[in-house]
Amino acid sequence: MNRSKAMMARIVSVTLTVTLFTGFAFGQAAQQDKSKAAPEMVKQSADDKSKSDEYVIGAEDILSIVVWKEPDFTRTVPVRPDGMISIPLAGDIKAAGLTVSQLQENLKKQLTAFVANPEVTVSVQEFRSKKFNIVGQVNKPGAYPLTGRMTILDAIALAGGFKDFAKSKKVYVLRTSADGKQIRLPFNYNEVIKGNQMNTNIDLESRDTVVVP
């Protein structure tokens, strides 16, 4: 009887030890995975911020301007057709043609006349100045904001891909050239996804129209 109890006690002790060790090892692995993932998340966030900072502002964009602890200067403003924005006391300030980071620095300089060491953050709340269109046999045709680099393949993916009877070999982009003429740029989806004719997968420009017959 005593031997049986001793054996049961030993089994329980071994089971607890294995359970505790397994739990510890699992926790350590999870912590390592988390520590590995963290730098990737930080890098992605930094990349997104960098892209946003380098976005070139245009007329009709809606900007969010935040001046820390200065509610009178903190506001959402549209970029007027003349490319200017209006800030209380500072007056009209040029925004169109500048990157987000350039405008941010300009505002800091302008506001030093009214605020000591102003901390200014500028972001684009609505991208309205740069757009492209995609029409025809795609699942979500329409106008889309052009917030950064966008290829024809990217545009097709953004529009939900082709409908069943789309002529994917005969896609083209309509673009207005500097002299006002409209040019047609062919794109054969079937060849591009094979790695051929990659030079036709061009970066879209504002007011381009992707046509999917």
N, C-alpha and C. Protein backbone atom coordinates (compact mmCIF):
# COMPACT_ATOMS: atom_id res chain seq x y z
N MET A 1 0.84 -1.21 0.00
CA MET A 1 0.00 0.00 0.00
C MET A 1 0.87 1.24 0.00
N ASN A 2 1.90 1.23 0.88
CA ASN A 2 2.79 2.39 0.94
C ASN A 2 3.57 2.55 -0.35
N ARG A 3 3.97 1.34 -0.94
CA ARG A 3 4.71 1.39 -2.20
C ARG A 3 3.84 1.97 -3.31
N SER A 4 2.58 1.62 -3.33
CA SER A 4 1.65 2.13 -4.34
C SER A 4 1.48 3.64 -4.22
N LYS A 5 1.35 4.12 -2.99
CA LYS A 5 1.21 5.57 -2.78
C LYS A 5 2.47 6.31 -3.21
N ALA A 6 3.62 5.72 -2.91
CA ALA A 6 4.90 6.36 -3.27
C ALA A 6 5.03 6.45 -4.78
N MET A 7 4.59 5.35 -5.48
CA MET A 7 4.67 5.36 -6.94
C MET A 7 3.74 6.41 -7.53
N MET A 8 2.52 6.52 -6.99
CA MET A 8 1.57 7.51 -7.47
C MET A 8 2.11 8.92 -7.25
N ALA A 9 2.72 9.14 -6.11
CA ALA A 9 3.29 10.46 -5.81
C ALA A 9 4.40 10.80 -6.79
N ARG A 10 5.22 9.77 -7.14
CA ARG A 10 6.32 10.02 -8.08
C ARG A 10 5.77 10.36 -9.47
N ILE A 11 4.72 9.65 -9.89
CA ILE A 11 4.10 9.90 -11.21
C ILE A 11 3.55 11.32 -11.28
N VAL A 12 2.85 11.73 -10.20
CA VAL A 12 2.29 13.08 -10.14
C VAL A 12 3.40 14.12 -10.21
N SER A 13 4.50 13.86 -9.48
CA SER A 13 5.62 14.80 -9.46
C SER A 13 6.23 14.96 -10.85
N VAL A 14 6.45 13.82 -11.54
CA VAL A 14 7.02 13.86 -12.90
C VAL A 14 6.09 14.58 -13.85
N THR A 15 4.77 14.33 -13.75
CA THR A 15 3.78 14.97 -14.62
C THR A 15 3.79 16.48 -14.45
N LEU A 16 3.83 16.92 -13.19
CA LEU A 16 3.86 18.36 -12.91
C LEU A 16 5.12 19.00 -13.47
N THR A 17 6.25 18.28 -13.32
CA THR A 17 7.53 18.83 -13.82
C THR A 17 7.48 19.00 -15.33
N VAL A 18 6.96 17.96 -16.05
CA VAL A 18 6.87 18.03 -17.52
C VAL A 18 5.93 19.15 -17.95
N THR A 19 4.80 19.26 -17.24
CA THR A 19 3.82 20.30 -17.58
C THR A 19 4.41 21.69 -17.41
N LEU A 20 5.10 21.89 -16.27
CA LEU A 20 5.70 23.19 -16.01
C LEU A 20 6.78 23.52 -17.03
N PHE A 21 7.60 22.50 -17.39
CA PHE A 21 8.68 22.73 -18.36
C PHE A 21 8.11 23.06 -19.73
N THR A 22 7.05 22.31 -20.12
CA THR A 22 6.42 22.54 -21.43
C THR A 22 5.82 23.93 -21.50
N GLY A 23 5.15 24.33 -20.42
CA GLY A 23 4.55 25.67 -20.38
C GLY A 23 5.60 26.75 -20.46
N PHE A 24 6.72 26.54 -19.76
CA PHE A 24 7.81 27.52 -19.78
C PHE A 24 8.41 27.63 -21.19
N ALA A 25 8.64 26.44 -21.80
CA ALA A 25 9.24 26.43 -23.15
C ALA A 25 8.31 27.10 -24.15
N PHE A 26 7.01 26.82 -24.05
CA PHE A 26 6.03 27.44 -24.96
C PHE A 26 6.02 28.95 -24.79
N GLY A 27 6.06 29.38 -23.52
CA GLY A 27 6.07 30.82 -23.25
C GLY A 27 7.31 31.49 -23.82
N GLN A 28 8.47 30.82 -23.67
CA GLN A 28 9.71 31.36 -24.22
C GLN A 28 9.65 31.46 -25.73
N ALA A 29 9.09 30.43 -26.40
CA ALA A 29 8.98 30.44 -27.87
C ALA A 29 8.07 31.55 -28.34
N ALA A 30 6.94 31.71 -27.63
CA ALA A 30 6.00 32.77 -28.00
C ALA A 30 6.64 34.14 -27.85
N GLN A 31 7.43 34.29 -26.76
CA GLN A 31 8.11 35.56 -26.54
C GLN A 31 9.12 35.85 -27.63
N GLN A 32 9.86 34.78 -28.07
CA GLN A 32 10.83 34.95 -29.14
C GLN A 32 10.16 35.32 -30.44
N ASP A 33 9.02 34.65 -30.76
CA ASP A 33 8.27 34.98 -31.98
C ASP A 33 7.82 36.43 -31.94
N LYS A 34 7.38 36.86 -30.76
CA LYS A 34 6.89 38.24 -30.61
C LYS A 34 8.03 39.22 -30.82
N SER A 35 9.21 38.87 -30.26
CA SER A 35 10.35 39.78 -30.40
C SER A 35 10.85 39.83 -31.83
N LYS A 36 10.70 38.71 -32.57
CA LYS A 36 11.09 38.71 -33.98
C LYS A 36 10.12 39.52 -34.80
N ALA A 37 8.83 39.41 -34.48
CA ALA A 37 7.80 40.10 -35.26
C ALA A 37 7.84 41.60 -35.03
N ALA A 38 8.20 42.01 -33.80
CA ALA A 38 8.15 43.44 -33.46
C ALA A 38 8.96 44.32 -34.39
N PRO A 39 10.26 43.98 -34.69
CA PRO A 39 11.02 44.84 -35.58
C PRO A 39 10.40 44.95 -36.95
N GLU A 40 9.79 43.83 -37.46
CA GLU A 40 9.15 43.86 -38.77
C GLU A 40 7.97 44.82 -38.76
N MET A 41 7.18 44.80 -37.68
CA MET A 41 6.03 45.70 -37.58
C MET A 41 6.49 47.14 -37.51
N VAL A 42 7.55 47.40 -36.74
CA VAL A 42 8.08 48.75 -36.62
C VAL A 42 8.58 49.24 -37.96
N LYS A 43 9.29 48.34 -38.70
CA LYS A 43 9.84 48.71 -40.00
C LYS A 43 8.71 49.04 -40.97
N GLN A 44 7.66 48.21 -40.99
CA GLN A 44 6.54 48.46 -41.88
C GLN A 44 5.88 49.79 -41.56
N SER A 45 5.69 50.06 -40.28
CA SER A 45 5.09 51.33 -39.88
C SER A 45 5.96 52.50 -40.30
N ALA A 46 7.28 52.36 -40.14
CA ALA A 46 8.20 53.43 -40.54
C ALA A 46 8.16 53.64 -42.04
N ASP A 47 8.08 52.54 -42.81
CA ASP A 47 8.01 52.65 -44.27
C ASP A 47 6.75 53.38 -44.69
N ASP A 48 5.61 53.03 -44.06
CA ASP A 48 4.34 53.69 -44.39
C ASP A 48 4.42 55.17 -44.10
N LYS A 49 5.03 55.53 -42.96
CA LYS A 49 5.15 56.94 -42.59
C LYS A 49 6.03 57.68 -43.59
N SER A 50 7.12 57.02 -44.02
CA SER A 50 8.03 57.64 -44.97
C SER A 50 7.33 57.93 -46.29
N LYS A 51 6.52 56.96 -46.75
CA LYS A 51 5.77 57.15 -48.00
C LYS A 51 4.79 58.31 -47.85
N SER A 52 4.11 58.35 -46.71
CA SER A 52 3.14 59.42 -46.47
C SER A 52 3.83 60.78 -46.45
N ASP A 53 5.01 60.85 -45.80
CA ASP A 53 5.74 62.11 -45.71
C ASP A 53 6.18 62.62 -47.07
N GLU A 54 6.42 61.69 -48.02
CA GLU A 54 6.92 62.08 -49.34
C GLU A 54 5.80 62.29 -50.35
N TYR A 55 4.56 62.12 -49.93
CA TYR A 55 3.43 62.37 -50.84
C TYR A 55 3.41 63.85 -51.22
N VAL A 56 3.27 64.13 -52.53
CA VAL A 56 3.23 65.51 -53.01
C VAL A 56 1.78 65.99 -52.98
N ILE A 57 1.55 67.02 -52.20
CA ILE A 57 0.20 67.56 -51.99
C ILE A 57 -0.29 68.26 -53.26
N GLY A 58 -1.58 68.13 -53.50
CA GLY A 58 -2.18 68.79 -54.66
C GLY A 58 -3.47 69.49 -54.29
N ALA A 59 -3.99 70.27 -55.22
CA ALA A 59 -5.26 70.97 -55.00
C ALA A 59 -6.37 69.96 -54.74
N GLU A 60 -7.26 70.31 -53.82
CA GLU A 60 -8.43 69.51 -53.41
C GLU A 60 -8.11 68.47 -52.34
N ASP A 61 -6.83 68.21 -52.07
CA ASP A 61 -6.52 67.32 -50.95
C ASP A 61 -7.03 67.95 -49.64
N ILE A 62 -7.40 67.11 -48.70
CA ILE A 62 -7.83 67.58 -47.38
C ILE A 62 -6.73 67.23 -46.39
N LEU A 63 -6.23 68.25 -45.70
CA LEU A 63 -5.10 68.07 -44.78
C LEU A 63 -5.54 68.21 -43.33
N SER A 64 -4.93 67.39 -42.48
CA SER A 64 -5.10 67.51 -41.04
C SER A 64 -3.84 68.15 -40.47
N ILE A 65 -4.01 69.28 -39.79
CA ILE A 65 -2.87 69.99 -39.20
C ILE A 65 -3.06 70.01 -37.68
N VAL A 66 -2.12 69.44 -36.98
CA VAL A 66 -2.19 69.37 -35.51
C VAL A 66 -0.98 70.11 -34.94
N VAL A 67 -1.25 71.11 -34.12
CA VAL A 67 -0.19 71.83 -33.41
C VAL A 67 -0.38 71.52 -31.94
N TRP A 68 0.59 70.84 -31.37
CA TRP A 68 0.46 70.32 -30.01
C TRP A 68 0.19 71.44 -29.01
N LYS A 69 -0.88 71.24 -28.22
CA LYS A 69 -1.30 72.18 -27.17
C LYS A 69 -1.72 73.56 -27.73
N GLU A 70 -2.02 73.60 -29.03
CA GLU A 70 -2.45 74.87 -29.64
C GLU A 70 -3.72 74.61 -30.45
N PRO A 71 -4.87 74.50 -29.79
CA PRO A 71 -6.13 74.18 -30.50
C PRO A 71 -6.53 75.22 -31.53
N ASP A 72 -6.09 76.47 -31.37
CA ASP A 72 -6.45 77.51 -32.33
C ASP A 72 -5.84 77.26 -33.70
N PHE A 73 -4.71 76.55 -33.73
CA PHE A 73 -4.03 76.27 -35.00
C PHE A 73 -4.33 74.86 -35.51
N THR A 74 -4.89 74.04 -34.66
CA THR A 74 -5.19 72.65 -35.03
C THR A 74 -6.51 72.60 -35.78
N ARG A 75 -6.46 72.09 -37.00
CA ARG A 75 -7.68 72.09 -37.82
C ARG A 75 -7.51 71.20 -39.05
N THR A 76 -8.65 70.95 -39.72
CA THR A 76 -8.66 70.25 -41.01
C THR A 76 -8.92 71.28 -42.09
N VAL A 77 -8.05 71.32 -43.10
CA VAL A 77 -8.17 72.36 -44.12
C VAL A 77 -8.11 71.76 -45.51
N PRO A 78 -8.88 72.31 -46.46
CA PRO A 78 -8.76 71.88 -47.85
C PRO A 78 -7.66 72.67 -48.56
N VAL A 79 -7.02 72.05 -49.52
CA VAL A 79 -6.08 72.77 -50.38
C VAL A 79 -6.89 73.41 -51.50
N ARG A 80 -6.85 74.74 -51.55
CA ARG A 80 -7.68 75.45 -52.53
C ARG A 80 -7.16 75.24 -53.95
N PRO A 81 -7.98 75.56 -54.96
CA PRO A 81 -7.53 75.43 -56.36
C PRO A 81 -6.26 76.19 -56.67
N ASP A 82 -5.99 77.28 -55.91
CA ASP A 82 -4.75 78.04 -56.13
C ASP A 82 -3.56 77.41 -55.40
N GLY A 83 -3.79 76.26 -54.73
CA GLY A 83 -2.70 75.54 -54.07
C GLY A 83 -2.40 76.01 -52.67
N MET A 84 -3.19 76.93 -52.14
CA MET A 84 -2.92 77.51 -50.82
C MET A 84 -3.85 76.92 -49.76
N ILE A 85 -3.40 77.01 -48.50
CA ILE A 85 -4.27 76.71 -47.36
C ILE A 85 -4.28 77.94 -46.46
N SER A 86 -5.33 78.05 -45.66
CA SER A 86 -5.45 79.20 -44.76
C SER A 86 -5.31 78.76 -43.31
N ILE A 87 -4.39 79.42 -42.58
CA ILE A 87 -4.14 79.14 -41.17
C ILE A 87 -4.36 80.44 -40.39
N PRO A 88 -5.11 80.39 -39.28
CA PRO A 88 -5.34 81.60 -38.49
C PRO A 88 -4.03 82.30 -38.13
N LEU A 89 -4.02 83.61 -38.23
CA LEU A 89 -2.88 84.48 -37.94
C LEU A 89 -1.76 84.35 -38.99
N ALA A 90 -1.42 83.11 -39.35
CA ALA A 90 -0.34 82.90 -40.32
C ALA A 90 -0.78 83.26 -41.73
N GLY A 91 -2.10 83.22 -41.98
CA GLY A 91 -2.63 83.59 -43.30
C GLY A 91 -2.55 82.47 -44.31
N ASP A 92 -2.36 82.84 -45.59
CA ASP A 92 -2.31 81.85 -46.67
C ASP A 92 -0.91 81.29 -46.80
N ILE A 93 -0.84 79.97 -46.90
CA ILE A 93 0.45 79.28 -47.01
C ILE A 93 0.37 78.30 -48.18
N LYS A 94 1.41 78.26 -48.99
CA LYS A 94 1.43 77.35 -50.13
C LYS A 94 1.53 75.91 -49.65
N ALA A 95 0.69 75.03 -50.24
CA ALA A 95 0.72 73.61 -49.89
C ALA A 95 0.93 72.74 -51.13
N ALA A 96 0.23 73.07 -52.22
CA ALA A 96 0.33 72.24 -53.43
C ALA A 96 1.75 72.28 -53.99
N GLY A 97 2.22 71.11 -54.40
CA GLY A 97 3.58 71.00 -54.93
C GLY A 97 4.62 70.66 -53.89
N LEU A 98 4.25 70.74 -52.61
CA LEU A 98 5.16 70.38 -51.52
C LEU A 98 4.85 68.98 -51.03
N THR A 99 5.86 68.31 -50.49
CA THR A 99 5.59 67.04 -49.82
C THR A 99 5.01 67.35 -48.44
N VAL A 100 4.43 66.33 -47.82
CA VAL A 100 3.86 66.50 -46.49
C VAL A 100 4.93 66.98 -45.51
N SER A 101 6.13 66.39 -45.59
CA SER A 101 7.20 66.78 -44.66
C SER A 101 7.67 68.21 -44.91
N GLN A 102 7.70 68.64 -46.18
CA GLN A 102 8.10 70.02 -46.50
C GLN A 102 7.10 71.03 -45.94
N LEU A 103 5.81 70.74 -46.13
CA LEU A 103 4.79 71.64 -45.60
C LEU A 103 4.86 71.69 -44.08
N GLN A 104 5.12 70.56 -43.46
CA GLN A 104 5.23 70.50 -42.00
C GLN A 104 6.34 71.42 -41.50
N GLU A 105 7.49 71.37 -42.19
CA GLU A 105 8.61 72.22 -41.80
C GLU A 105 8.29 73.70 -42.04
N ASN A 106 7.63 74.00 -43.15
CA ASN A 106 7.26 75.39 -43.44
C ASN A 106 6.31 75.95 -42.39
N LEU A 107 5.37 75.12 -41.97
CA LEU A 107 4.41 75.56 -40.95
C LEU A 107 5.11 75.83 -39.62
N LYS A 108 6.06 74.98 -39.27
CA LYS A 108 6.82 75.20 -38.04
C LYS A 108 7.48 76.58 -38.06
N LYS A 109 8.10 76.93 -39.21
CA LYS A 109 8.77 78.22 -39.33
C LYS A 109 7.77 79.37 -39.25
N GLN A 110 6.62 79.21 -39.93
CA GLN A 110 5.61 80.27 -39.95
C GLN A 110 5.03 80.51 -38.55
N LEU A 111 4.83 79.43 -37.81
CA LEU A 111 4.15 79.55 -36.52
C LEU A 111 5.06 79.96 -35.37
N THR A 112 6.38 79.99 -35.61
CA THR A 112 7.28 80.44 -34.54
C THR A 112 7.04 81.91 -34.16
N ALA A 113 6.38 82.65 -35.05
CA ALA A 113 6.04 84.05 -34.73
C ALA A 113 4.93 84.13 -33.70
N PHE A 114 4.20 83.01 -33.53
CA PHE A 114 3.05 83.02 -32.62
C PHE A 114 3.16 82.00 -31.49
N VAL A 115 3.98 80.96 -31.70
CA VAL A 115 4.10 79.87 -30.72
C VAL A 115 5.59 79.56 -30.52
N ALA A 116 5.99 79.40 -29.28
CA ALA A 116 7.38 79.04 -29.00
C ALA A 116 7.60 77.56 -29.28
N ASN A 117 8.56 77.26 -30.14
CA ASN A 117 8.90 75.88 -30.50
C ASN A 117 7.66 75.04 -30.85
N PRO A 118 6.93 75.43 -31.89
CA PRO A 118 5.71 74.69 -32.23
C PRO A 118 6.01 73.26 -32.70
N GLU A 119 5.21 72.32 -32.22
CA GLU A 119 5.31 70.93 -32.67
C GLU A 119 4.14 70.69 -33.62
N VAL A 120 4.46 70.55 -34.89
CA VAL A 120 3.43 70.48 -35.93
C VAL A 120 3.44 69.10 -36.59
N THR A 121 2.25 68.56 -36.78
CA THR A 121 2.09 67.30 -37.51
C THR A 121 1.09 67.52 -38.64
N VAL A 122 1.51 67.20 -39.85
CA VAL A 122 0.63 67.32 -41.02
C VAL A 122 0.39 65.93 -41.59
N SER A 123 -0.86 65.64 -41.92
CA SER A 123 -1.19 64.39 -42.58
C SER A 123 -2.29 64.64 -43.60
N VAL A 124 -2.36 63.77 -44.60
CA VAL A 124 -3.41 63.89 -45.62
C VAL A 124 -4.61 63.08 -45.16
N GLN A 125 -5.70 63.78 -44.91
CA GLN A 125 -6.91 63.11 -44.44
C GLN A 125 -7.69 62.50 -45.60
N GLU A 126 -7.72 63.21 -46.73
CA GLU A 126 -8.39 62.70 -47.92
C GLU A 126 -7.53 63.02 -49.14
N PHE A 127 -7.24 61.98 -49.93
CA PHE A 127 -6.46 62.15 -51.15
C PHE A 127 -7.43 62.44 -52.29
N ARG A 128 -7.49 63.67 -52.72
CA ARG A 128 -8.44 64.06 -53.76
C ARG A 128 -7.77 64.58 -55.02
N SER A 129 -6.51 64.97 -54.94
CA SER A 129 -5.88 65.64 -56.08
C SER A 129 -5.40 64.67 -57.15
N LYS A 130 -4.99 63.47 -56.74
CA LYS A 130 -4.44 62.52 -57.70
C LYS A 130 -5.30 61.26 -57.72
N LYS A 131 -5.86 61.00 -58.89
CA LYS A 131 -6.74 59.84 -59.04
C LYS A 131 -6.47 59.15 -60.38
N PHE A 132 -6.84 57.89 -60.44
CA PHE A 132 -6.88 57.20 -61.73
C PHE A 132 -8.22 56.49 -61.82
N ASN A 133 -8.61 56.17 -63.03
CA ASN A 133 -9.87 55.46 -63.25
C ASN A 133 -9.58 54.07 -63.80
N ILE A 134 -10.44 53.14 -63.47
CA ILE A 134 -10.39 51.82 -64.11
C ILE A 134 -11.82 51.45 -64.50
N VAL A 135 -12.01 51.14 -65.77
CA VAL A 135 -13.35 50.91 -66.30
C VAL A 135 -13.39 49.59 -67.08
N GLY A 136 -14.61 49.11 -67.31
CA GLY A 136 -14.79 47.90 -68.11
C GLY A 136 -15.02 46.67 -67.27
N GLN A 137 -14.45 45.55 -67.70
CA GLN A 137 -14.75 44.24 -67.13
C GLN A 137 -13.91 43.91 -65.89
N VAL A 138 -14.04 44.76 -64.88
CA VAL A 138 -13.45 44.46 -63.57
C VAL A 138 -14.58 44.47 -62.54
N ASN A 139 -14.33 43.88 -61.40
CA ASN A 139 -15.40 43.73 -60.41
C ASN A 139 -15.77 45.03 -59.69
N LYS A 140 -14.79 45.94 -59.57
CA LYS A 140 -15.07 47.21 -58.88
C LYS A 140 -14.52 48.39 -59.68
N PRO A 141 -15.17 48.69 -60.82
CA PRO A 141 -14.70 49.83 -61.61
C PRO A 141 -14.94 51.14 -60.87
N GLY A 142 -14.19 52.18 -61.24
CA GLY A 142 -14.40 53.48 -60.61
C GLY A 142 -13.12 54.29 -60.53
N ALA A 143 -13.18 55.38 -59.78
CA ALA A 143 -12.02 56.25 -59.57
C ALA A 143 -11.37 55.88 -58.25
N TYR A 144 -10.04 55.83 -58.25
CA TYR A 144 -9.28 55.46 -57.06
C TYR A 144 -8.20 56.51 -56.79
N PRO A 145 -7.91 56.79 -55.53
CA PRO A 145 -6.83 57.75 -55.21
C PRO A 145 -5.47 57.17 -55.57
N LEU A 146 -4.61 58.01 -56.11
CA LEU A 146 -3.26 57.60 -56.46
C LEU A 146 -2.33 58.16 -55.38
N THR A 147 -2.17 57.40 -54.32
CA THR A 147 -1.43 57.88 -53.14
C THR A 147 0.05 57.56 -53.18
N GLY A 148 0.46 56.75 -54.12
CA GLY A 148 1.86 56.36 -54.23
C GLY A 148 2.06 55.60 -55.52
N ARG A 149 3.15 54.83 -55.60
CA ARG A 149 3.43 54.07 -56.82
C ARG A 149 2.34 53.03 -57.04
N MET A 150 1.78 53.03 -58.25
CA MET A 150 0.69 52.11 -58.59
C MET A 150 0.87 51.64 -60.03
N THR A 151 1.07 50.34 -60.22
CA THR A 151 1.21 49.79 -61.57
C THR A 151 -0.16 49.34 -62.09
N ILE A 152 -0.19 48.92 -63.36
CA ILE A 152 -1.44 48.43 -63.93
C ILE A 152 -1.91 47.17 -63.19
N LEU A 153 -0.97 46.30 -62.87
CA LEU A 153 -1.33 45.09 -62.10
C LEU A 153 -1.93 45.46 -60.75
N ASP A 154 -1.33 46.45 -60.09
CA ASP A 154 -1.86 46.91 -58.80
C ASP A 154 -3.29 47.41 -58.96
N ALA A 155 -3.52 48.17 -60.03
CA ALA A 155 -4.84 48.75 -60.26
C ALA A 155 -5.89 47.67 -60.48
N ILE A 156 -5.54 46.65 -61.25
CA ILE A 156 -6.48 45.54 -61.51
C ILE A 156 -6.81 44.81 -60.21
N ALA A 157 -5.79 44.59 -59.39
CA ALA A 157 -6.01 43.93 -58.10
C ALA A 157 -6.90 44.79 -57.20
N LEU A 158 -6.64 46.09 -57.20
CA LEU A 158 -7.42 47.01 -56.36
C LEU A 158 -8.89 47.03 -56.79
N ALA A 159 -9.11 46.84 -58.08
CA ALA A 159 -10.48 46.85 -58.61
C ALA A 159 -11.15 45.48 -58.52
N GLY A 160 -10.55 44.56 -57.77
CA GLY A 160 -11.19 43.27 -57.53
C GLY A 160 -10.97 42.23 -58.59
N GLY A 161 -10.05 42.50 -59.53
CA GLY A 161 -9.75 41.51 -60.58
C GLY A 161 -10.74 41.56 -61.72
N PHE A 162 -10.52 40.67 -62.69
CA PHE A 162 -11.34 40.64 -63.90
C PHE A 162 -12.69 39.95 -63.68
N LYS A 163 -13.67 40.36 -64.47
CA LYS A 163 -14.92 39.60 -64.57
C LYS A 163 -14.66 38.41 -65.50
N ASP A 164 -15.63 37.51 -65.56
CA ASP A 164 -15.43 36.25 -66.28
C ASP A 164 -15.07 36.42 -67.75
N PHE A 165 -15.66 37.39 -68.42
CA PHE A 165 -15.47 37.51 -69.87
C PHE A 165 -14.55 38.66 -70.26
N ALA A 166 -13.71 39.10 -69.33
CA ALA A 166 -12.76 40.18 -69.63
C ALA A 166 -11.72 39.70 -70.65
N LYS A 167 -11.35 40.59 -71.53
CA LYS A 167 -10.32 40.30 -72.54
C LYS A 167 -8.98 40.74 -71.94
N SER A 168 -8.41 39.88 -71.14
CA SER A 168 -7.22 40.24 -70.36
C SER A 168 -5.98 40.48 -71.21
N LYS A 169 -6.01 40.02 -72.48
CA LYS A 169 -4.88 40.26 -73.38
C LYS A 169 -4.93 41.65 -74.01
N LYS A 170 -6.07 42.32 -73.89
CA LYS A 170 -6.27 43.58 -74.61
C LYS A 170 -6.53 44.77 -73.69
N VAL A 171 -6.01 44.70 -72.47
CA VAL A 171 -6.11 45.83 -71.53
C VAL A 171 -5.23 46.97 -72.06
N TYR A 172 -5.65 48.20 -71.82
CA TYR A 172 -4.81 49.34 -72.19
C TYR A 172 -5.07 50.52 -71.26
N VAL A 173 -4.11 51.44 -71.27
CA VAL A 173 -4.21 52.66 -70.47
C VAL A 173 -4.36 53.85 -71.39
N LEU A 174 -5.34 54.69 -71.10
CA LEU A 174 -5.50 55.95 -71.82
C LEU A 174 -4.84 57.05 -70.99
N ARG A 175 -3.92 57.78 -71.62
CA ARG A 175 -3.18 58.82 -70.93
C ARG A 175 -3.13 60.08 -71.79
N THR A 176 -3.32 61.22 -71.14
CA THR A 176 -3.23 62.49 -71.85
C THR A 176 -1.79 62.99 -71.77
N SER A 177 -1.18 63.20 -72.92
CA SER A 177 0.22 63.64 -72.98
C SER A 177 0.31 65.14 -72.71
N ALA A 178 1.54 65.63 -72.62
CA ALA A 178 1.78 67.03 -72.28
C ALA A 178 1.17 67.98 -73.31
N ASP A 179 1.10 67.54 -74.58
CA ASP A 179 0.54 68.40 -75.63
C ASP A 179 -0.98 68.26 -75.76
N GLY A 180 -1.59 67.53 -74.81
CA GLY A 180 -3.05 67.41 -74.80
C GLY A 180 -3.60 66.25 -75.59
N LYS A 181 -2.74 65.51 -76.29
CA LYS A 181 -3.20 64.37 -77.07
C LYS A 181 -3.37 63.14 -76.17
N GLN A 182 -4.33 62.30 -76.53
CA GLN A 182 -4.56 61.09 -75.75
C GLN A 182 -3.81 59.93 -76.39
N ILE A 183 -3.01 59.24 -75.60
CA ILE A 183 -2.25 58.11 -76.11
C ILE A 183 -2.77 56.82 -75.47
N ARG A 184 -2.55 55.73 -76.20
CA ARG A 184 -3.05 54.43 -75.74
C ARG A 184 -1.86 53.50 -75.50
N LEU A 185 -1.77 52.98 -74.28
CA LEU A 185 -0.64 52.14 -73.88
C LEU A 185 -1.13 50.71 -73.65
N PRO A 186 -0.79 49.77 -74.54
CA PRO A 186 -1.32 48.40 -74.43
C PRO A 186 -0.71 47.62 -73.27
N PHE A 187 -1.48 46.65 -72.78
CA PHE A 187 -1.05 45.82 -71.65
C PHE A 187 -1.67 44.44 -71.81
N ASN A 188 -0.82 43.43 -71.94
CA ASN A 188 -1.28 42.05 -72.07
C ASN A 188 -1.08 41.35 -70.72
N TYR A 189 -2.14 41.23 -69.96
CA TYR A 189 -2.08 40.65 -68.62
C TYR A 189 -1.52 39.23 -68.65
N ASN A 190 -1.95 38.43 -69.62
CA ASN A 190 -1.54 37.03 -69.68
C ASN A 190 -0.03 36.89 -69.85
N GLU A 191 0.58 37.79 -70.61
CA GLU A 191 2.02 37.74 -70.81
C GLU A 191 2.77 38.26 -69.58
N VAL A 192 2.26 39.32 -68.99
CA VAL A 192 2.96 39.93 -67.86
C VAL A 192 3.04 38.99 -66.67
N ILE A 193 1.96 38.26 -66.39
CA ILE A 193 2.00 37.36 -65.23
C ILE A 193 2.90 36.15 -65.48
N LYS A 194 3.31 35.95 -66.75
CA LYS A 194 4.31 34.92 -67.06
C LYS A 194 5.73 35.45 -66.94
N GLY A 195 5.83 36.77 -66.70
CA GLY A 195 7.15 37.38 -66.60
C GLY A 195 7.62 37.99 -67.90
N ASN A 196 6.74 38.04 -68.90
CA ASN A 196 7.08 38.63 -70.19
C ASN A 196 6.52 40.05 -70.29
N GLN A 197 7.10 40.85 -71.16
CA GLN A 197 6.61 42.21 -71.43
C GLN A 197 6.43 43.03 -70.15
N MET A 198 7.36 42.84 -69.22
CA MET A 198 7.24 43.52 -67.92
C MET A 198 7.32 45.04 -68.05
N ASN A 199 7.93 45.51 -69.13
CA ASN A 199 8.04 46.96 -69.34
C ASN A 199 6.69 47.61 -69.61
N THR A 200 5.68 46.79 -69.94
CA THR A 200 4.35 47.35 -70.18
C THR A 200 3.56 47.55 -68.89
N ASN A 201 4.04 46.96 -67.79
CA ASN A 201 3.37 47.12 -66.49
C ASN A 201 3.84 48.45 -65.87
N ILE A 202 3.40 49.53 -66.50
CA ILE A 202 3.91 50.87 -66.17
C ILE A 202 3.30 51.42 -64.89
N ASP A 203 3.97 52.41 -64.31
CA ASP A 203 3.41 53.15 -63.18
C ASP A 203 2.33 54.09 -63.71
N LEU A 204 1.20 54.09 -63.04
CA LEU A 204 0.11 54.97 -63.45
C LEU A 204 0.39 56.40 -63.03
N GLU A 205 -0.19 57.33 -63.80
CA GLU A 205 -0.10 58.75 -63.49
C GLU A 205 -1.49 59.27 -63.19
N SER A 206 -1.52 60.42 -62.53
CA SER A 206 -2.82 61.02 -62.20
C SER A 206 -3.64 61.23 -63.46
N ARG A 207 -4.91 60.85 -63.38
CA ARG A 207 -5.90 60.98 -64.47
C ARG A 207 -5.74 59.94 -65.58
N ASP A 208 -4.89 58.93 -65.37
CA ASP A 208 -4.86 57.80 -66.29
C ASP A 208 -6.18 57.03 -66.17
N THR A 209 -6.56 56.37 -67.26
CA THR A 209 -7.72 55.48 -67.24
C THR A 209 -7.30 54.10 -67.73
N VAL A 210 -7.47 53.10 -66.88
CA VAL A 210 -7.19 51.73 -67.26
C VAL A 210 -8.48 51.15 -67.84
N VAL A 211 -8.41 50.64 -69.07
CA VAL A 211 -9.58 50.11 -69.76
C VAL A 211 -9.44 48.60 -69.90
N VAL A 212 -10.43 47.88 -69.39
CA VAL A 212 -10.45 46.41 -69.50
C VAL A 212 -11.64 46.02 -70.37
N PRO A 213 -11.41 45.68 -71.64
CA PRO A 213 -12.52 45.36 -72.56
C PRO A 213 -13.29 44.12 -72.12
